[in-house]
């Protein structure tokens, strides 16, 4: 189910009480629920775009690292040097090196959608491969 406006309380409740399927780290990720785990990969990966399909202004999106992969995931700001990905839409600091690192289970980030971009409101990095 895509994130979207809802017409029934049951549909709203499902978005906020059920975790979506695990997302595999890639240049573009597509949430279908408010909360997803992000499977840590074997090799370093950058995330430059979070799909806005069905997203509503003011919506929250929570991403939690999971798995035993050893590759770090960098969730990169639109301003990151060398980030030439088309459609980049993540704001996590605004600097040319602004990124959120996911390199161990339970690292997390929370974003709010402003109608165009996903803006980080909180993130946690407990260090590589913590349990």
N, C-alpha and C. Protein backbone atom coordinates (compact mmCIF):
# COMPACT_ATOMS: atom_id res chain seq x y z
N UNK A 1 0.84 -1.18 0.00
CA UNK A 1 0.00 0.00 0.00
C UNK A 1 0.89 1.24 0.00
N UNK A 2 0.69 2.13 -0.93
CA UNK A 2 1.46 3.37 -0.99
C UNK A 2 1.02 4.31 0.12
N UNK A 3 1.94 5.14 0.58
CA UNK A 3 1.57 6.16 1.55
C UNK A 3 0.68 7.15 0.82
N UNK A 4 -0.48 7.45 1.40
CA UNK A 4 -1.43 8.33 0.73
C UNK A 4 -2.45 8.84 1.72
N UNK A 5 -3.29 9.72 1.25
CA UNK A 5 -4.40 10.18 2.08
C UNK A 5 -5.35 9.01 2.32
N UNK A 6 -6.00 9.01 3.45
CA UNK A 6 -6.87 7.89 3.81
C UNK A 6 -8.29 8.38 4.05
N UNK A 7 -9.23 7.51 3.75
CA UNK A 7 -10.62 7.87 3.96
C UNK A 7 -11.22 7.16 5.17
N UNK A 8 -10.53 6.14 5.71
CA UNK A 8 -11.09 5.44 6.86
C UNK A 8 -10.07 5.39 7.99
N UNK A 9 -10.57 5.32 9.20
CA UNK A 9 -9.71 5.22 10.37
C UNK A 9 -8.87 3.95 10.31
N UNK A 10 -9.42 2.86 9.81
CA UNK A 10 -8.68 1.59 9.72
C UNK A 10 -7.45 1.75 8.82
N UNK A 11 -7.58 2.47 7.71
CA UNK A 11 -6.44 2.68 6.82
C UNK A 11 -5.36 3.53 7.48
N UNK A 12 -5.76 4.56 8.21
CA UNK A 12 -4.81 5.40 8.93
C UNK A 12 -4.09 4.57 9.99
N UNK A 13 -4.84 3.80 10.74
CA UNK A 13 -4.26 2.97 11.80
C UNK A 13 -3.23 2.00 11.23
N UNK A 14 -3.51 1.41 10.07
CA UNK A 14 -2.56 0.47 9.47
C UNK A 14 -1.23 1.16 9.16
N UNK A 15 -1.27 2.37 8.66
CA UNK A 15 -0.03 3.09 8.32
C UNK A 15 0.82 3.35 9.56
N UNK A 16 0.18 3.62 10.70
CA UNK A 16 0.90 3.99 11.91
C UNK A 16 1.20 2.84 12.85
N UNK A 17 0.60 1.69 12.65
CA UNK A 17 0.82 0.58 13.57
C UNK A 17 1.51 -0.61 12.95
N UNK A 18 1.63 -0.64 11.63
CA UNK A 18 2.29 -1.76 10.96
C UNK A 18 3.53 -1.28 10.26
N UNK A 19 4.61 -2.02 10.45
CA UNK A 19 5.86 -1.68 9.80
C UNK A 19 5.83 -2.23 8.38
N UNK A 20 6.27 -1.43 7.43
CA UNK A 20 6.34 -1.87 6.05
C UNK A 20 7.44 -2.91 5.87
N UNK A 21 7.43 -3.55 4.72
CA UNK A 21 8.46 -4.55 4.39
C UNK A 21 9.85 -3.90 4.40
N UNK A 22 10.86 -4.72 4.64
CA UNK A 22 12.24 -4.22 4.64
C UNK A 22 12.57 -3.61 3.29
N UNK A 23 13.30 -2.52 3.31
CA UNK A 23 13.74 -1.84 2.10
C UNK A 23 15.21 -2.18 1.88
N UNK A 24 15.58 -2.46 0.64
CA UNK A 24 16.98 -2.70 0.29
C UNK A 24 17.62 -1.37 -0.07
N UNK A 25 18.78 -1.08 0.48
CA UNK A 25 19.47 0.18 0.20
C UNK A 25 19.79 0.29 -1.29
N UNK A 26 19.46 1.44 -1.87
CA UNK A 26 19.71 1.73 -3.28
C UNK A 26 19.68 3.24 -3.44
N UNK A 27 20.06 3.76 -4.61
CA UNK A 27 20.08 5.20 -4.84
C UNK A 27 18.71 5.83 -4.57
N UNK A 28 17.64 5.10 -4.90
CA UNK A 28 16.27 5.56 -4.64
C UNK A 28 15.55 4.49 -3.84
N UNK A 29 14.89 4.92 -2.76
CA UNK A 29 14.08 3.99 -1.98
C UNK A 29 12.63 4.46 -2.03
N UNK A 30 11.70 3.52 -1.88
CA UNK A 30 10.28 3.84 -1.97
C UNK A 30 9.55 3.31 -0.74
N UNK A 31 9.19 4.20 0.18
CA UNK A 31 8.42 3.76 1.35
C UNK A 31 6.97 3.49 0.98
N UNK A 32 6.39 2.53 1.66
CA UNK A 32 4.96 2.23 1.50
C UNK A 32 4.21 2.40 2.81
N UNK A 33 4.95 2.52 3.90
CA UNK A 33 4.38 2.72 5.23
C UNK A 33 5.18 3.83 5.92
N UNK A 34 4.74 4.22 7.09
CA UNK A 34 5.45 5.26 7.82
C UNK A 34 6.79 4.77 8.33
N UNK A 35 6.92 3.47 8.64
CA UNK A 35 8.15 2.93 9.20
C UNK A 35 8.60 1.71 8.41
N UNK A 36 9.90 1.67 8.14
CA UNK A 36 10.52 0.54 7.44
C UNK A 36 11.87 0.25 8.05
N UNK A 37 12.30 -1.01 7.96
CA UNK A 37 13.70 -1.31 8.24
C UNK A 37 14.45 -1.18 6.91
N UNK A 38 15.72 -0.86 7.01
CA UNK A 38 16.60 -0.76 5.85
C UNK A 38 17.65 -1.85 5.99
N UNK A 39 17.65 -2.80 5.08
CA UNK A 39 18.60 -3.91 5.14
C UNK A 39 20.00 -3.40 4.82
N UNK A 40 20.92 -3.61 5.76
CA UNK A 40 22.30 -3.18 5.52
C UNK A 40 22.93 -4.08 4.46
N UNK A 41 23.59 -3.47 3.47
CA UNK A 41 24.14 -4.24 2.34
C UNK A 41 25.53 -4.77 2.63
N UNK A 42 26.03 -5.58 1.71
CA UNK A 42 27.39 -6.12 1.80
C UNK A 42 28.43 -5.05 1.43
N UNK A 43 28.03 -4.09 0.59
CA UNK A 43 28.95 -3.04 0.13
C UNK A 43 28.34 -1.67 0.39
N UNK A 44 29.20 -0.66 0.49
CA UNK A 44 28.74 0.72 0.72
C UNK A 44 27.74 1.14 -0.35
N UNK A 45 26.70 1.84 0.07
CA UNK A 45 25.63 2.29 -0.81
C UNK A 45 25.20 3.69 -0.41
N UNK A 46 24.81 4.49 -1.40
CA UNK A 46 24.28 5.83 -1.14
C UNK A 46 22.79 5.85 -1.43
N UNK A 47 22.05 6.54 -0.57
CA UNK A 47 20.64 6.82 -0.82
C UNK A 47 20.56 8.33 -1.07
N UNK A 48 20.07 8.70 -2.26
CA UNK A 48 19.96 10.10 -2.64
C UNK A 48 18.52 10.56 -2.83
N UNK A 49 17.59 9.62 -2.99
CA UNK A 49 16.20 9.95 -3.25
C UNK A 49 15.29 9.05 -2.41
N UNK A 50 14.33 9.67 -1.74
CA UNK A 50 13.24 8.94 -1.10
C UNK A 50 12.00 9.29 -1.91
N UNK A 51 11.38 8.29 -2.49
CA UNK A 51 10.23 8.52 -3.36
C UNK A 51 9.16 9.33 -2.62
N UNK A 52 8.53 10.23 -3.35
CA UNK A 52 7.45 11.04 -2.80
C UNK A 52 6.08 10.58 -3.28
N UNK A 53 6.05 9.48 -4.01
CA UNK A 53 4.78 8.97 -4.55
C UNK A 53 3.79 8.74 -3.40
N UNK A 54 2.70 9.44 -3.46
CA UNK A 54 1.65 9.29 -2.45
C UNK A 54 1.92 10.00 -1.14
N UNK A 55 3.06 10.66 -1.00
CA UNK A 55 3.39 11.34 0.26
C UNK A 55 2.57 12.62 0.42
N UNK A 56 2.28 12.97 1.67
CA UNK A 56 1.53 14.18 1.99
C UNK A 56 2.41 15.12 2.80
N UNK A 57 2.25 16.40 2.56
CA UNK A 57 3.00 17.41 3.31
C UNK A 57 2.77 17.21 4.81
N UNK A 58 3.86 17.19 5.58
CA UNK A 58 3.78 16.98 7.02
C UNK A 58 3.91 15.54 7.46
N UNK A 59 3.95 14.63 6.51
CA UNK A 59 4.05 13.20 6.82
C UNK A 59 5.43 12.84 7.37
N UNK A 60 5.46 11.93 8.32
CA UNK A 60 6.72 11.41 8.88
C UNK A 60 7.09 10.11 8.20
N UNK A 61 8.39 9.85 8.13
CA UNK A 61 8.92 8.59 7.60
C UNK A 61 10.08 8.18 8.49
N UNK A 62 10.02 6.97 9.04
CA UNK A 62 11.05 6.47 9.96
C UNK A 62 11.76 5.30 9.30
N UNK A 63 13.08 5.33 9.33
CA UNK A 63 13.91 4.29 8.73
C UNK A 63 14.83 3.75 9.81
N UNK A 64 14.88 2.41 9.96
CA UNK A 64 15.68 1.76 11.00
C UNK A 64 16.56 0.71 10.35
N UNK A 65 17.88 0.79 10.57
CA UNK A 65 18.81 -0.17 9.99
C UNK A 65 18.63 -1.54 10.63
N UNK A 66 18.76 -2.58 9.80
CA UNK A 66 18.63 -3.95 10.27
C UNK A 66 19.53 -4.85 9.45
N UNK A 67 19.85 -6.00 9.99
CA UNK A 67 20.65 -6.97 9.25
C UNK A 67 22.10 -6.96 9.67
N UNK A 68 22.85 -7.83 9.05
CA UNK A 68 24.25 -8.02 9.42
C UNK A 68 25.20 -7.60 8.31
N UNK A 69 24.72 -6.83 7.34
CA UNK A 69 25.59 -6.36 6.26
C UNK A 69 26.73 -5.52 6.82
N UNK A 70 27.82 -5.49 6.13
CA UNK A 70 28.99 -4.74 6.61
C UNK A 70 29.22 -3.47 5.81
N UNK A 71 28.38 -3.22 4.80
CA UNK A 71 28.52 -2.00 4.01
C UNK A 71 27.75 -0.86 4.63
N UNK A 72 28.40 0.29 4.76
CA UNK A 72 27.72 1.45 5.31
C UNK A 72 26.78 2.05 4.26
N UNK A 73 25.66 2.59 4.74
CA UNK A 73 24.71 3.27 3.88
C UNK A 73 24.79 4.75 4.23
N UNK A 74 25.00 5.59 3.22
CA UNK A 74 25.01 7.04 3.42
C UNK A 74 23.73 7.61 2.84
N UNK A 75 22.92 8.23 3.69
CA UNK A 75 21.73 8.94 3.24
C UNK A 75 22.19 10.37 3.02
N UNK A 76 22.27 10.77 1.74
CA UNK A 76 22.98 12.01 1.39
C UNK A 76 22.05 13.20 1.12
N UNK A 77 22.48 14.34 1.64
CA UNK A 77 21.80 15.61 1.41
C UNK A 77 21.91 16.01 -0.06
N UNK A 78 20.94 16.79 -0.53
CA UNK A 78 20.97 17.25 -1.92
C UNK A 78 22.23 18.06 -2.23
N UNK A 79 22.86 18.65 -1.21
CA UNK A 79 24.03 19.50 -1.43
C UNK A 79 25.37 18.76 -1.41
N UNK A 80 25.36 17.46 -1.17
CA UNK A 80 26.61 16.70 -1.07
C UNK A 80 27.41 16.79 -2.37
N UNK A 81 28.68 17.13 -2.23
CA UNK A 81 29.57 17.21 -3.39
C UNK A 81 29.60 15.88 -4.12
N UNK A 82 29.49 15.92 -5.44
CA UNK A 82 29.53 14.71 -6.23
C UNK A 82 28.20 13.99 -6.33
N UNK A 83 27.18 14.48 -5.64
CA UNK A 83 25.86 13.86 -5.70
C UNK A 83 25.14 14.41 -6.93
N UNK A 84 25.20 13.66 -8.02
CA UNK A 84 24.57 14.12 -9.27
C UNK A 84 23.29 13.35 -9.58
N UNK A 85 22.76 12.63 -8.59
CA UNK A 85 21.54 11.85 -8.79
C UNK A 85 20.38 12.75 -9.18
N UNK A 86 19.69 12.40 -10.24
CA UNK A 86 18.50 13.15 -10.66
C UNK A 86 17.39 12.95 -9.65
N UNK A 87 16.73 14.03 -9.29
CA UNK A 87 15.59 13.95 -8.38
C UNK A 87 15.95 13.91 -6.91
N UNK A 88 17.22 14.12 -6.58
CA UNK A 88 17.61 14.07 -5.16
C UNK A 88 16.72 14.99 -4.34
N UNK A 89 16.30 14.51 -3.16
CA UNK A 89 15.30 15.26 -2.39
C UNK A 89 15.42 15.05 -0.88
N UNK A 90 16.63 14.84 -0.39
CA UNK A 90 16.83 14.62 1.04
C UNK A 90 17.61 15.80 1.61
N UNK A 91 17.10 16.36 2.70
CA UNK A 91 17.77 17.47 3.38
C UNK A 91 18.17 16.98 4.77
N UNK A 92 19.48 16.87 5.00
CA UNK A 92 19.93 16.40 6.31
C UNK A 92 21.06 17.26 6.87
N UNK A 93 21.14 18.49 6.45
CA UNK A 93 22.14 19.39 7.01
C UNK A 93 22.49 20.53 6.08
N UNK A 94 22.40 20.29 4.79
CA UNK A 94 22.61 21.36 3.83
C UNK A 94 24.04 21.59 3.39
N UNK A 95 25.00 20.96 4.05
CA UNK A 95 26.39 21.16 3.69
C UNK A 95 26.84 20.19 2.61
N UNK A 96 28.01 20.47 2.04
CA UNK A 96 28.54 19.63 0.96
C UNK A 96 28.98 18.26 1.44
N UNK A 97 28.99 18.04 2.76
CA UNK A 97 29.33 16.71 3.28
C UNK A 97 28.22 16.17 4.20
N UNK A 98 27.04 16.77 4.15
CA UNK A 98 25.94 16.36 5.04
C UNK A 98 25.38 15.01 4.62
N UNK A 99 25.45 14.05 5.54
CA UNK A 99 24.93 12.71 5.28
C UNK A 99 24.62 12.05 6.62
N UNK A 100 23.73 11.09 6.58
CA UNK A 100 23.43 10.26 7.74
C UNK A 100 24.01 8.89 7.45
N UNK A 101 24.81 8.35 8.37
CA UNK A 101 25.43 7.04 8.16
C UNK A 101 24.66 5.96 8.89
N UNK A 102 24.33 4.91 8.17
CA UNK A 102 23.77 3.70 8.74
C UNK A 102 24.85 2.64 8.57
N UNK A 103 25.47 2.24 9.68
CA UNK A 103 26.53 1.24 9.57
C UNK A 103 26.42 0.15 10.63
N UNK A 104 25.29 0.09 11.28
CA UNK A 104 25.05 -0.96 12.27
C UNK A 104 23.57 -1.07 12.56
N UNK A 105 23.16 -2.24 13.00
CA UNK A 105 21.75 -2.46 13.32
C UNK A 105 21.26 -1.42 14.32
N UNK A 106 20.04 -0.98 14.13
CA UNK A 106 19.35 -0.03 15.00
C UNK A 106 19.69 1.43 14.76
N UNK A 107 20.62 1.75 13.83
CA UNK A 107 20.78 3.14 13.43
C UNK A 107 19.43 3.57 12.87
N UNK A 108 19.07 4.84 13.04
CA UNK A 108 17.75 5.25 12.59
C UNK A 108 17.72 6.71 12.17
N UNK A 109 16.70 7.06 11.41
CA UNK A 109 16.47 8.45 11.01
C UNK A 109 14.98 8.65 10.83
N UNK A 110 14.53 9.85 11.20
CA UNK A 110 13.14 10.23 11.03
C UNK A 110 13.10 11.47 10.15
N UNK A 111 12.23 11.43 9.14
CA UNK A 111 12.11 12.52 8.18
C UNK A 111 10.69 13.06 8.19
N UNK A 112 10.54 14.33 7.81
CA UNK A 112 9.22 14.92 7.58
C UNK A 112 9.22 15.42 6.14
N UNK A 113 8.09 15.24 5.46
CA UNK A 113 7.96 15.65 4.06
C UNK A 113 7.41 17.07 4.01
N UNK A 114 8.11 17.98 3.31
CA UNK A 114 7.67 19.38 3.23
C UNK A 114 6.89 19.70 1.96
N UNK A 115 6.54 18.67 1.21
CA UNK A 115 5.83 18.85 -0.04
C UNK A 115 6.74 18.66 -1.24
N UNK A 116 8.07 18.77 -1.01
CA UNK A 116 9.06 18.58 -2.06
C UNK A 116 10.20 17.68 -1.60
N UNK A 117 10.70 17.94 -0.40
CA UNK A 117 11.87 17.24 0.14
C UNK A 117 11.53 16.48 1.42
N UNK A 118 12.34 15.46 1.70
CA UNK A 118 12.30 14.76 2.98
C UNK A 118 13.37 15.41 3.85
N UNK A 119 12.97 16.02 4.97
CA UNK A 119 13.89 16.74 5.85
C UNK A 119 14.08 15.92 7.12
N UNK A 120 15.36 15.64 7.46
CA UNK A 120 15.62 14.86 8.67
C UNK A 120 15.28 15.69 9.91
N UNK A 121 14.57 15.08 10.85
CA UNK A 121 14.26 15.76 12.11
C UNK A 121 15.01 15.11 13.27
N UNK A 122 15.50 13.89 13.04
CA UNK A 122 16.25 13.18 14.08
C UNK A 122 17.00 12.02 13.44
N UNK A 123 18.19 11.72 13.97
CA UNK A 123 18.90 10.52 13.52
C UNK A 123 19.75 9.99 14.66
N UNK A 124 20.04 8.68 14.60
CA UNK A 124 20.85 8.01 15.60
C UNK A 124 21.82 7.07 14.91
N UNK A 125 23.10 7.15 15.29
CA UNK A 125 24.11 6.23 14.79
C UNK A 125 24.87 5.71 16.00
N UNK A 126 24.69 4.41 16.30
CA UNK A 126 25.32 3.82 17.47
C UNK A 126 26.70 3.25 17.21
N UNK A 127 27.22 3.44 16.01
CA UNK A 127 28.53 2.91 15.67
C UNK A 127 28.41 1.65 14.84
N UNK A 128 29.48 1.27 14.16
CA UNK A 128 29.42 0.13 13.26
C UNK A 128 29.10 -1.18 13.96
N UNK A 129 28.18 -1.91 13.35
CA UNK A 129 27.85 -3.28 13.74
C UNK A 129 27.57 -3.47 15.22
N UNK A 130 26.89 -2.53 15.83
CA UNK A 130 26.52 -2.70 17.24
C UNK A 130 25.38 -3.69 17.36
N UNK A 131 25.23 -4.32 18.49
CA UNK A 131 24.11 -5.24 18.72
C UNK A 131 23.27 -4.73 19.87
